[in-house]
Amino acid sequence: QWNTNAATVADFDGDGHDDIFIGNYFEDSPVLDPTVEGGVHMNHSM
């Protein structure tokens, strides 16, 4: 259950082919599951 809000495409290793970076926001968790209570958290610092 990835929660992705950032991505960029680039040839990071210089082999001539495009690679993909995926940056996730929340940890893997049921953020959008209204049948579940718990298993989620917020940031532990501002």
ModelCIF file with pLDDT and N, C-alpha, C, O atoms, coordinates in Angstrom:
data_MODEL
#
_entry.id   MODEL 
#
_entity.id                         1 
_entity.type                       polymer 
_entity.pdbx_number_of_molecules   1 
#
_entity_poly.entity_id                      1 
_entity_poly.type                           'polypeptide(L)' 
_entity_poly.nstd_linkage                   no 
_entity_poly.nstd_monomer                   no 
_entity_poly.pdbx_seq_one_letter_code       QWNTNAATVADFDGDGHDDIFIGNYFEDSPVLDPTVEGGVHMNHSM 
_entity_poly.pdbx_seq_one_letter_code_can   QWNTNAATVADFDGDGHDDIFIGNYFEDSPVLDPTVEGGVHMNHSM 
_entity_poly.pdbx_strand_id                 A 
#
loop_
_entity_poly_seq.entity_id 
_entity_poly_seq.num 
_entity_poly_seq.mon_id 
_entity_poly_seq.hetero 
1 1  GLN n 
1 2  TRP n 
1 3  ASN n 
1 4  THR n 
1 5  ASN n 
1 6  ALA n 
1 7  ALA n 
1 8  THR n 
1 9  VAL n 
1 10 ALA n 
1 11 ASP n 
1 12 PHE n 
1 13 ASP n 
1 14 GLY n 
1 15 ASP n 
1 16 GLY n 
1 17 HIS n 
1 18 ASP n 
1 19 ASP n 
1 20 ILE n 
1 21 PHE n 
1 22 ILE n 
1 23 GLY n 
1 24 ASN n 
1 25 TYR n 
1 26 PHE n 
1 27 GLU n 
1 28 ASP n 
1 29 SER n 
1 30 PRO n 
1 31 VAL n 
1 32 LEU n 
1 33 ASP n 
1 34 PRO n 
1 35 THR n 
1 36 VAL n 
1 37 GLU n 
1 38 GLY n 
1 39 GLY n 
1 40 VAL n 
1 41 HIS n 
1 42 MET n 
1 43 ASN n 
1 44 HIS n 
1 45 SER n 
1 46 MET n 
#
_struct_asym.id          A 
_struct_asym.entity_id   1 
#
loop_
_ma_qa_metric.id 
_ma_qa_metric.mode 
_ma_qa_metric.name 
_ma_qa_metric.software_group_id 
_ma_qa_metric.type 
1 global pLDDT . pLDDT 
2 local  pLDDT . pLDDT 
#
_ma_qa_metric_global.metric_id      1 
_ma_qa_metric_global.metric_value   97.26 
_ma_qa_metric_global.model_id       1 
_ma_qa_metric_global.ordinal_id     1 
#
loop_
_ma_qa_metric_local.label_asym_id 
_ma_qa_metric_local.label_comp_id 
_ma_qa_metric_local.label_seq_id 
_ma_qa_metric_local.metric_id 
_ma_qa_metric_local.metric_value 
_ma_qa_metric_local.model_id 
_ma_qa_metric_local.ordinal_id 
A GLN 1  2 97.00 1 1  
A TRP 2  2 98.00 1 2  
A ASN 3  2 98.00 1 3  
A THR 4  2 98.00 1 4  
A ASN 5  2 98.00 1 5  
A ALA 6  2 98.00 1 6  
A ALA 7  2 98.00 1 7  
A THR 8  2 98.00 1 8  
A VAL 9  2 98.00 1 9  
A ALA 10 2 98.00 1 10 
A ASP 11 2 98.00 1 11 
A PHE 12 2 98.00 1 12 
A ASP 13 2 98.00 1 13 
A GLY 14 2 98.00 1 14 
A ASP 15 2 98.00 1 15 
A GLY 16 2 98.00 1 16 
A HIS 17 2 98.00 1 17 
A ASP 18 2 98.00 1 18 
A ASP 19 2 98.00 1 19 
A ILE 20 2 98.00 1 20 
A PHE 21 2 98.00 1 21 
A ILE 22 2 98.00 1 22 
A GLY 23 2 98.00 1 23 
A ASN 24 2 98.00 1 24 
A TYR 25 2 98.00 1 25 
A PHE 26 2 98.00 1 26 
A GLU 27 2 97.00 1 27 
A ASP 28 2 97.00 1 28 
A SER 29 2 97.00 1 29 
A PRO 30 2 98.00 1 30 
A VAL 31 2 98.00 1 31 
A LEU 32 2 98.00 1 32 
A ASP 33 2 98.00 1 33 
A PRO 34 2 98.00 1 34 
A THR 35 2 97.00 1 35 
A VAL 36 2 97.00 1 36 
A GLU 37 2 97.00 1 37 
A GLY 38 2 97.00 1 38 
A GLY 39 2 97.00 1 39 
A VAL 40 2 97.00 1 40 
A HIS 41 2 96.00 1 41 
A MET 42 2 96.00 1 42 
A ASN 43 2 95.00 1 43 
A HIS 44 2 93.00 1 44 
A SER 45 2 93.00 1 45 
A MET 46 2 91.00 1 46 
#
loop_
_atom_site.group_PDB 
_atom_site.id 
_atom_site.type_symbol 
_atom_site.label_atom_id 
_atom_site.label_alt_id 
_atom_site.label_comp_id 
_atom_site.label_asym_id 
_atom_site.label_entity_id 
_atom_site.label_seq_id 
_atom_site.pdbx_PDB_ins_code 
_atom_site.Cartn_x 
_atom_site.Cartn_y 
_atom_site.Cartn_z 
_atom_site.occupancy 
_atom_site.B_iso_or_equiv 
_atom_site.pdbx_formal_charge 
_atom_site.auth_seq_id 
_atom_site.auth_comp_id 
_atom_site.auth_asym_id 
_atom_site.auth_atom_id 
_atom_site.pdbx_PDB_model_num 
ATOM 1   N N  . GLN A 1 1  ? 0.843   -1.199 0.000   1.00 97.00 ? 1  GLN A N  1 
ATOM 2   C CA . GLN A 1 1  ? 0.000   0.000  0.000   1.00 97.00 ? 1  GLN A CA 1 
ATOM 3   C C  . GLN A 1 1  ? 0.879   1.251  0.000   1.00 97.00 ? 1  GLN A C  1 
ATOM 4   O O  . GLN A 1 1  ? 0.940   1.983  0.988   1.00 97.00 ? 1  GLN A O  1 
ATOM 5   N N  . TRP A 1 2  ? 1.554   1.480  -1.118  1.00 98.00 ? 2  TRP A N  1 
ATOM 6   C CA . TRP A 1 2  ? 2.358   2.683  -1.240  1.00 98.00 ? 2  TRP A CA 1 
ATOM 7   C C  . TRP A 1 2  ? 1.467   3.907  -1.293  1.00 98.00 ? 2  TRP A C  1 
ATOM 8   O O  . TRP A 1 2  ? 0.327   3.844  -1.753  1.00 98.00 ? 2  TRP A O  1 
ATOM 9   N N  . ASN A 1 3  ? 1.999   5.021  -0.816  1.00 98.00 ? 3  ASN A N  1 
ATOM 10  C CA . ASN A 1 3  ? 1.289   6.301  -0.864  1.00 98.00 ? 3  ASN A CA 1 
ATOM 11  C C  . ASN A 1 3  ? 2.242   7.330  -1.468  1.00 98.00 ? 3  ASN A C  1 
ATOM 12  O O  . ASN A 1 3  ? 2.941   8.048  -0.754  1.00 98.00 ? 3  ASN A O  1 
ATOM 13  N N  . THR A 1 4  ? 2.253   7.383  -2.804  1.00 98.00 ? 4  THR A N  1 
ATOM 14  C CA . THR A 1 4  ? 3.263   8.122  -3.551  1.00 98.00 ? 4  THR A CA 1 
ATOM 15  C C  . THR A 1 4  ? 2.800   9.524  -3.900  1.00 98.00 ? 4  THR A C  1 
ATOM 16  O O  . THR A 1 4  ? 1.674   9.720  -4.357  1.00 98.00 ? 4  THR A O  1 
ATOM 17  N N  . ASN A 1 5  ? 3.685   10.511 -3.680  1.00 98.00 ? 5  ASN A N  1 
ATOM 18  C CA . ASN A 1 5  ? 3.403   11.895 -4.072  1.00 98.00 ? 5  ASN A CA 1 
ATOM 19  C C  . ASN A 1 5  ? 4.560   12.555 -4.809  1.00 98.00 ? 5  ASN A C  1 
ATOM 20  O O  . ASN A 1 5  ? 4.520   13.760 -5.060  1.00 98.00 ? 5  ASN A O  1 
ATOM 21  N N  . ALA A 1 6  ? 5.588   11.791 -5.158  1.00 98.00 ? 6  ALA A N  1 
ATOM 22  C CA . ALA A 1 6  ? 6.710   12.376 -5.886  1.00 98.00 ? 6  ALA A CA 1 
ATOM 23  C C  . ALA A 1 6  ? 7.301   11.338 -6.822  1.00 98.00 ? 6  ALA A C  1 
ATOM 24  O O  . ALA A 1 6  ? 7.419   10.163 -6.472  1.00 98.00 ? 6  ALA A O  1 
ATOM 25  N N  . ALA A 1 7  ? 7.670   11.782 -8.013  1.00 98.00 ? 7  ALA A N  1 
ATOM 26  C CA . ALA A 1 7  ? 8.321   10.901 -8.979  1.00 98.00 ? 7  ALA A CA 1 
ATOM 27  C C  . ALA A 1 7  ? 9.148   11.748 -9.931  1.00 98.00 ? 7  ALA A C  1 
ATOM 28  O O  . ALA A 1 7  ? 8.779   12.877 -10.252 1.00 98.00 ? 7  ALA A O  1 
ATOM 29  N N  . THR A 1 8  ? 10.254  11.204 -10.374 1.00 98.00 ? 8  THR A N  1 
ATOM 30  C CA . THR A 1 8  ? 11.023  11.852 -11.425 1.00 98.00 ? 8  THR A CA 1 
ATOM 31  C C  . THR A 1 8  ? 11.714  10.779 -12.241 1.00 98.00 ? 8  THR A C  1 
ATOM 32  O O  . THR A 1 8  ? 12.090  9.727  -11.723 1.00 98.00 ? 8  THR A O  1 
ATOM 33  N N  . VAL A 1 9  ? 11.877  11.059 -13.529 1.00 98.00 ? 9  VAL A N  1 
ATOM 34  C CA . VAL A 1 9  ? 12.445  10.102 -14.476 1.00 98.00 ? 9  VAL A CA 1 
ATOM 35  C C  . VAL A 1 9  ? 13.776  10.650 -14.972 1.00 98.00 ? 9  VAL A C  1 
ATOM 36  O O  . VAL A 1 9  ? 13.851  11.806 -15.388 1.00 98.00 ? 9  VAL A O  1 
ATOM 37  N N  . ALA A 1 10 ? 14.826  9.836  -14.932 1.00 98.00 ? 10 ALA A N  1 
ATOM 38  C CA . ALA A 1 10 ? 16.148  10.255 -15.369 1.00 98.00 ? 10 ALA A CA 1 
ATOM 39  C C  . ALA A 1 10 ? 17.013  9.021  -15.569 1.00 98.00 ? 10 ALA A C  1 
ATOM 40  O O  . ALA A 1 10 ? 16.727  7.958  -15.018 1.00 98.00 ? 10 ALA A O  1 
ATOM 41  N N  . ASP A 1 11 ? 18.066  9.164  -16.355 1.00 98.00 ? 11 ASP A N  1 
ATOM 42  C CA . ASP A 1 11 ? 19.036  8.090  -16.523 1.00 98.00 ? 11 ASP A CA 1 
ATOM 43  C C  . ASP A 1 11 ? 20.046  8.214  -15.389 1.00 98.00 ? 11 ASP A C  1 
ATOM 44  O O  . ASP A 1 11 ? 21.139  8.751  -15.573 1.00 98.00 ? 11 ASP A O  1 
ATOM 45  N N  . PHE A 1 12 ? 19.671  7.714  -14.218 1.00 98.00 ? 12 PHE A N  1 
ATOM 46  C CA . PHE A 1 12 ? 20.495  7.920  -13.028 1.00 98.00 ? 12 PHE A CA 1 
ATOM 47  C C  . PHE A 1 12 ? 21.847  7.225  -13.113 1.00 98.00 ? 12 PHE A C  1 
ATOM 48  O O  . PHE A 1 12 ? 22.840  7.760  -12.622 1.00 98.00 ? 12 PHE A O  1 
ATOM 49  N N  . ASP A 1 13 ? 21.909  6.037  -13.730 1.00 98.00 ? 13 ASP A N  1 
ATOM 50  C CA . ASP A 1 13 ? 23.173  5.304  -13.745 1.00 98.00 ? 13 ASP A CA 1 
ATOM 51  C C  . ASP A 1 13 ? 23.967  5.506  -15.027 1.00 98.00 ? 13 ASP A C  1 
ATOM 52  O O  . ASP A 1 13 ? 25.040  4.921  -15.174 1.00 98.00 ? 13 ASP A O  1 
ATOM 53  N N  . GLY A 1 14 ? 23.470  6.319  -15.962 1.00 98.00 ? 14 GLY A N  1 
ATOM 54  C CA . GLY A 1 14 ? 24.227  6.648  -17.145 1.00 98.00 ? 14 GLY A CA 1 
ATOM 55  C C  . GLY A 1 14 ? 24.398  5.502  -18.125 1.00 98.00 ? 14 GLY A C  1 
ATOM 56  O O  . GLY A 1 14 ? 25.409  5.436  -18.824 1.00 98.00 ? 14 GLY A O  1 
ATOM 57  N N  . ASP A 1 15 ? 23.427  4.595  -18.190 1.00 98.00 ? 15 ASP A N  1 
ATOM 58  C CA . ASP A 1 15 ? 23.535  3.475  -19.130 1.00 98.00 ? 15 ASP A CA 1 
ATOM 59  C C  . ASP A 1 15 ? 22.765  3.713  -20.421 1.00 98.00 ? 15 ASP A C  1 
ATOM 60  O O  . ASP A 1 15 ? 22.706  2.830  -21.277 1.00 98.00 ? 15 ASP A O  1 
ATOM 61  N N  . GLY A 1 16 ? 22.167  4.910  -20.572 1.00 98.00 ? 16 GLY A N  1 
ATOM 62  C CA . GLY A 1 16 ? 21.432  5.234  -21.786 1.00 98.00 ? 16 GLY A CA 1 
ATOM 63  C C  . GLY A 1 16 ? 19.955  4.924  -21.736 1.00 98.00 ? 16 GLY A C  1 
ATOM 64  O O  . GLY A 1 16 ? 19.261  5.081  -22.740 1.00 98.00 ? 16 GLY A O  1 
ATOM 65  N N  . HIS A 1 17 ? 19.450  4.484  -20.584 1.00 98.00 ? 17 HIS A N  1 
ATOM 66  C CA . HIS A 1 17 ? 18.040  4.135  -20.437 1.00 98.00 ? 17 HIS A CA 1 
ATOM 67  C C  . HIS A 1 17 ? 17.462  4.874  -19.227 1.00 98.00 ? 17 HIS A C  1 
ATOM 68  O O  . HIS A 1 17 ? 18.136  5.046  -18.211 1.00 98.00 ? 17 HIS A O  1 
ATOM 69  N N  . ASP A 1 18 ? 16.219  5.303  -19.350 1.00 98.00 ? 18 ASP A N  1 
ATOM 70  C CA . ASP A 1 18 ? 15.586  6.087  -18.289 1.00 98.00 ? 18 ASP A CA 1 
ATOM 71  C C  . ASP A 1 18 ? 15.220  5.219  -17.088 1.00 98.00 ? 18 ASP A C  1 
ATOM 72  O O  . ASP A 1 18 ? 14.635  4.146  -17.230 1.00 98.00 ? 18 ASP A O  1 
ATOM 73  N N  . ASP A 1 19 ? 15.574  5.703  -15.924 1.00 98.00 ? 19 ASP A N  1 
ATOM 74  C CA . ASP A 1 19 ? 15.198  5.073  -14.663 1.00 98.00 ? 19 ASP A CA 1 
ATOM 75  C C  . ASP A 1 19 ? 14.105  5.908  -14.000 1.00 98.00 ? 19 ASP A C  1 
ATOM 76  O O  . ASP A 1 19 ? 13.784  7.003  -14.462 1.00 98.00 ? 19 ASP A O  1 
ATOM 77  N N  . ILE A 1 20 ? 13.542  5.389  -12.926 1.00 98.00 ? 20 ILE A N  1 
ATOM 78  C CA . ILE A 1 20 ? 12.417  6.053  -12.263 1.00 98.00 ? 20 ILE A CA 1 
ATOM 79  C C  . ILE A 1 20 ? 12.699  6.154  -10.770 1.00 98.00 ? 20 ILE A C  1 
ATOM 80  O O  . ILE A 1 20 ? 13.091  5.171  -10.141 1.00 98.00 ? 20 ILE A O  1 
ATOM 81  N N  . PHE A 1 21 ? 12.497  7.344  -10.202 1.00 98.00 ? 21 PHE A N  1 
ATOM 82  C CA . PHE A 1 21 ? 12.523  7.526  -8.751  1.00 98.00 ? 21 PHE A CA 1 
ATOM 83  C C  . PHE A 1 21 ? 11.094  7.670  -8.257  1.00 98.00 ? 21 PHE A C  1 
ATOM 84  O O  . PHE A 1 21 ? 10.308  8.427  -8.827  1.00 98.00 ? 21 PHE A O  1 
ATOM 85  N N  . ILE A 1 22 ? 10.758  6.949  -7.206  1.00 98.00 ? 22 ILE A N  1 
ATOM 86  C CA . ILE A 1 22 ? 9.439   7.028  -6.572  1.00 98.00 ? 22 ILE A CA 1 
ATOM 87  C C  . ILE A 1 22 ? 9.621   7.443  -5.116  1.00 98.00 ? 22 ILE A C  1 
ATOM 88  O O  . ILE A 1 22 ? 10.301  6.763  -4.349  1.00 98.00 ? 22 ILE A O  1 
ATOM 89  N N  . GLY A 1 23 ? 9.001   8.577  -4.739  1.00 98.00 ? 23 GLY A N  1 
ATOM 90  C CA . GLY A 1 23 ? 9.051   9.064  -3.368  1.00 98.00 ? 23 GLY A CA 1 
ATOM 91  C C  . GLY A 1 23 ? 7.688   8.953  -2.711  1.00 98.00 ? 23 GLY A C  1 
ATOM 92  O O  . GLY A 1 23 ? 6.712   9.518  -3.205  1.00 98.00 ? 23 GLY A O  1 
ATOM 93  N N  . ASN A 1 24 ? 7.612   8.236  -1.609  1.00 98.00 ? 24 ASN A N  1 
ATOM 94  C CA . ASN A 1 24 ? 6.339   8.027  -0.919  1.00 98.00 ? 24 ASN A CA 1 
ATOM 95  C C  . ASN A 1 24 ? 6.156   9.019  0.226   1.00 98.00 ? 24 ASN A C  1 
ATOM 96  O O  . ASN A 1 24 ? 7.126   9.505  0.808   1.00 98.00 ? 24 ASN A O  1 
ATOM 97  N N  . TYR A 1 25 ? 4.909   9.306  0.534   1.00 98.00 ? 25 TYR A N  1 
ATOM 98  C CA . TYR A 1 25 ? 4.548   10.270 1.578   1.00 98.00 ? 25 TYR A CA 1 
ATOM 99  C C  . TYR A 1 25 ? 4.259   9.520  2.877   1.00 98.00 ? 25 TYR A C  1 
ATOM 100 O O  . TYR A 1 25 ? 5.140   9.422  3.732   1.00 98.00 ? 25 TYR A O  1 
ATOM 101 N N  . PHE A 1 26 ? 3.050   8.989  3.047   1.00 98.00 ? 26 PHE A N  1 
ATOM 102 C CA . PHE A 1 26 ? 2.771   8.119  4.191   1.00 98.00 ? 26 PHE A CA 1 
ATOM 103 C C  . PHE A 1 26 ? 3.518   6.798  4.034   1.00 98.00 ? 26 PHE A C  1 
ATOM 104 O O  . PHE A 1 26 ? 3.821   6.373  2.918   1.00 98.00 ? 26 PHE A O  1 
ATOM 105 N N  . GLU A 1 27 ? 3.808   6.162  5.148   1.00 97.00 ? 27 GLU A N  1 
ATOM 106 C CA . GLU A 1 27 ? 4.301   4.795  5.099   1.00 97.00 ? 27 GLU A CA 1 
ATOM 107 C C  . GLU A 1 27 ? 3.236   3.895  4.486   1.00 97.00 ? 27 GLU A C  1 
ATOM 108 O O  . GLU A 1 27 ? 2.063   4.262  4.416   1.00 97.00 ? 27 GLU A O  1 
ATOM 109 N N  . ASP A 1 28 ? 3.657   2.708  4.040   1.00 97.00 ? 28 ASP A N  1 
ATOM 110 C CA . ASP A 1 28 ? 2.696   1.736  3.519   1.00 97.00 ? 28 ASP A CA 1 
ATOM 111 C C  . ASP A 1 28 ? 1.610   1.517  4.569   1.00 97.00 ? 28 ASP A C  1 
ATOM 112 O O  . ASP A 1 28 ? 1.883   1.014  5.659   1.00 97.00 ? 28 ASP A O  1 
ATOM 113 N N  . SER A 1 29 ? 0.388   1.898  4.236   1.00 97.00 ? 29 SER A N  1 
ATOM 114 C CA . SER A 1 29 ? -0.679  1.822  5.230   1.00 97.00 ? 29 SER A CA 1 
ATOM 115 C C  . SER A 1 29 ? -2.018  2.061  4.555   1.00 97.00 ? 29 SER A C  1 
ATOM 116 O O  . SER A 1 29 ? -2.067  2.624  3.462   1.00 97.00 ? 29 SER A O  1 
ATOM 117 N N  . PRO A 1 30 ? -3.119  1.635  5.201   1.00 98.00 ? 30 PRO A N  1 
ATOM 118 C CA . PRO A 1 30 ? -4.461  1.750  4.620   1.00 98.00 ? 30 PRO A CA 1 
ATOM 119 C C  . PRO A 1 30 ? -5.050  3.152  4.805   1.00 98.00 ? 30 PRO A C  1 
ATOM 120 O O  . PRO A 1 30 ? -6.072  3.313  5.471   1.00 98.00 ? 30 PRO A O  1 
ATOM 121 N N  . VAL A 1 31 ? -4.406  4.163  4.217   1.00 98.00 ? 31 VAL A N  1 
ATOM 122 C CA . VAL A 1 31 ? -4.835  5.552  4.395   1.00 98.00 ? 31 VAL A CA 1 
ATOM 123 C C  . VAL A 1 31 ? -6.260  5.766  3.892   1.00 98.00 ? 31 VAL A C  1 
ATOM 124 O O  . VAL A 1 31 ? -7.036  6.487  4.519   1.00 98.00 ? 31 VAL A O  1 
ATOM 125 N N  . LEU A 1 32 ? -6.608  5.148  2.769   1.00 98.00 ? 32 LEU A N  1 
ATOM 126 C CA . LEU A 1 32 ? -7.905  5.398  2.127   1.00 98.00 ? 32 LEU A CA 1 
ATOM 127 C C  . LEU A 1 32 ? -8.900  4.260  2.334   1.00 98.00 ? 32 LEU A C  1 
ATOM 128 O O  . LEU A 1 32 ? -9.817  4.083  1.531   1.00 98.00 ? 32 LEU A O  1 
ATOM 129 N N  . ASP A 1 33 ? -8.725  3.491  3.402   1.00 98.00 ? 33 ASP A N  1 
ATOM 130 C CA . ASP A 1 33 ? -9.650  2.387  3.688   1.00 98.00 ? 33 ASP A CA 1 
ATOM 131 C C  . ASP A 1 33 ? -10.572 2.774  4.840   1.00 98.00 ? 33 ASP A C  1 
ATOM 132 O O  . ASP A 1 33 ? -10.149 2.727  5.995   1.00 98.00 ? 33 ASP A O  1 
ATOM 133 N N  . PRO A 1 34 ? -11.835 3.158  4.557   1.00 98.00 ? 34 PRO A N  1 
ATOM 134 C CA . PRO A 1 34 ? -12.752 3.611  5.614   1.00 98.00 ? 34 PRO A CA 1 
ATOM 135 C C  . PRO A 1 34 ? -13.285 2.477  6.480   1.00 98.00 ? 34 PRO A C  1 
ATOM 136 O O  . PRO A 1 34 ? -13.978 2.733  7.464   1.00 98.00 ? 34 PRO A O  1 
ATOM 137 N N  . THR A 1 35 ? -12.973 1.215  6.130   1.00 97.00 ? 35 THR A N  1 
ATOM 138 C CA . THR A 1 35 ? -13.436 0.093  6.943   1.00 97.00 ? 35 THR A CA 1 
ATOM 139 C C  . THR A 1 35 ? -12.443 -0.264 8.037   1.00 97.00 ? 35 THR A C  1 
ATOM 140 O O  . THR A 1 35 ? -12.721 -1.114 8.883   1.00 97.00 ? 35 THR A O  1 
ATOM 141 N N  . VAL A 1 36 ? -11.284 0.388  8.019   1.00 97.00 ? 36 VAL A N  1 
ATOM 142 C CA . VAL A 1 36 ? -10.211 0.044  8.956   1.00 97.00 ? 36 VAL A CA 1 
ATOM 143 C C  . VAL A 1 36 ? -10.021 1.177  9.960   1.00 97.00 ? 36 VAL A C  1 
ATOM 144 O O  . VAL A 1 36 ? -10.106 2.355  9.611   1.00 97.00 ? 36 VAL A O  1 
ATOM 145 N N  . GLU A 1 37 ? -9.763  0.805  11.203  1.00 97.00 ? 37 GLU A N  1 
ATOM 146 C CA . GLU A 1 37 ? -9.404  1.769  12.240  1.00 97.00 ? 37 GLU A CA 1 
ATOM 147 C C  . GLU A 1 37 ? -7.999  1.451  12.721  1.00 97.00 ? 37 GLU A C  1 
ATOM 148 O O  . GLU A 1 37 ? -7.757  0.394  13.304  1.00 97.00 ? 37 GLU A O  1 
ATOM 149 N N  . GLY A 1 38 ? -7.077  2.368  12.476  1.00 97.00 ? 38 GLY A N  1 
ATOM 150 C CA . GLY A 1 38 ? -5.705  2.140  12.894  1.00 97.00 ? 38 GLY A CA 1 
ATOM 151 C C  . GLY A 1 38 ? -4.814  1.691  11.754  1.00 97.00 ? 38 GLY A C  1 
ATOM 152 O O  . GLY A 1 38 ? -5.224  1.645  10.594  1.00 97.00 ? 38 GLY A O  1 
ATOM 153 N N  . GLY A 1 39 ? -3.562  1.355  12.123  1.00 97.00 ? 39 GLY A N  1 
ATOM 154 C CA . GLY A 1 39 ? -2.581  0.961  11.127  1.00 97.00 ? 39 GLY A CA 1 
ATOM 155 C C  . GLY A 1 39 ? -1.998  2.133  10.366  1.00 97.00 ? 39 GLY A C  1 
ATOM 156 O O  . GLY A 1 39 ? -1.314  1.943  9.360   1.00 97.00 ? 39 GLY A O  1 
ATOM 157 N N  . VAL A 1 40 ? -2.263  3.352  10.838  1.00 97.00 ? 40 VAL A N  1 
ATOM 158 C CA . VAL A 1 40 ? -1.775  4.563  10.181  1.00 97.00 ? 40 VAL A CA 1 
ATOM 159 C C  . VAL A 1 40 ? -1.181  5.497  11.236  1.00 97.00 ? 40 VAL A C  1 
ATOM 160 O O  . VAL A 1 40 ? -1.442  5.341  12.428  1.00 97.00 ? 40 VAL A O  1 
ATOM 161 N N  . HIS A 1 41 ? -0.395  6.450  10.797  1.00 96.00 ? 41 HIS A N  1 
ATOM 162 C CA . HIS A 1 41 ? 0.144   7.455  11.711  1.00 96.00 ? 41 HIS A CA 1 
ATOM 163 C C  . HIS A 1 41 ? 0.445   8.723  10.932  1.00 96.00 ? 41 HIS A C  1 
ATOM 164 O O  . HIS A 1 41 ? 0.385   8.743  9.702   1.00 96.00 ? 41 HIS A O  1 
ATOM 165 N N  . MET A 1 42 ? 0.770   9.780  11.663  1.00 96.00 ? 42 MET A N  1 
ATOM 166 C CA . MET A 1 42 ? 1.193   11.040 11.069  1.00 96.00 ? 42 MET A CA 1 
ATOM 167 C C  . MET A 1 42 ? 2.698   11.204 11.311  1.00 96.00 ? 42 MET A C  1 
ATOM 168 O O  . MET A 1 42 ? 3.354   10.307 11.839  1.00 96.00 ? 42 MET A O  1 
ATOM 169 N N  . ASN A 1 43 ? 3.225   12.346 10.922  1.00 95.00 ? 43 ASN A N  1 
ATOM 170 C CA . ASN A 1 43 ? 4.644   12.648 11.121  1.00 95.00 ? 43 ASN A CA 1 
ATOM 171 C C  . ASN A 1 43 ? 4.969   12.733 12.609  1.00 95.00 ? 43 ASN A C  1 
ATOM 172 O O  . ASN A 1 43 ? 4.159   13.217 13.398  1.00 95.00 ? 43 ASN A O  1 
ATOM 173 N N  . HIS A 1 44 ? 6.158   12.259 12.991  1.00 93.00 ? 44 HIS A N  1 
ATOM 174 C CA . HIS A 1 44 ? 6.522   12.311 14.407  1.00 93.00 ? 44 HIS A CA 1 
ATOM 175 C C  . HIS A 1 44 ? 7.252   13.600 14.764  1.00 93.00 ? 44 HIS A C  1 
ATOM 176 O O  . HIS A 1 44 ? 7.735   13.749 15.886  1.00 93.00 ? 44 HIS A O  1 
ATOM 177 N N  . SER A 1 45 ? 7.337   14.543 13.806  1.00 93.00 ? 45 SER A N  1 
ATOM 178 C CA . SER A 1 45 ? 7.947   15.837 14.088  1.00 93.00 ? 45 SER A CA 1 
ATOM 179 C C  . SER A 1 45 ? 7.545   16.802 12.987  1.00 93.00 ? 45 SER A C  1 
ATOM 180 O O  . SER A 1 45 ? 7.316   16.395 11.848  1.00 93.00 ? 45 SER A O  1 
ATOM 181 N N  . MET A 1 46 ? 7.458   18.086 13.330  1.00 91.00 ? 46 MET A N  1 
ATOM 182 C CA . MET A 1 46 ? 7.186   19.100 12.325  1.00 91.00 ? 46 MET A CA 1 
ATOM 183 C C  . MET A 1 46 ? 8.439   19.505 11.552  1.00 91.00 ? 46 MET A C  1 
ATOM 184 O O  . MET A 1 46 ? 8.370   20.357 10.666  1.00 91.00 ? 46 MET A O  1 
#
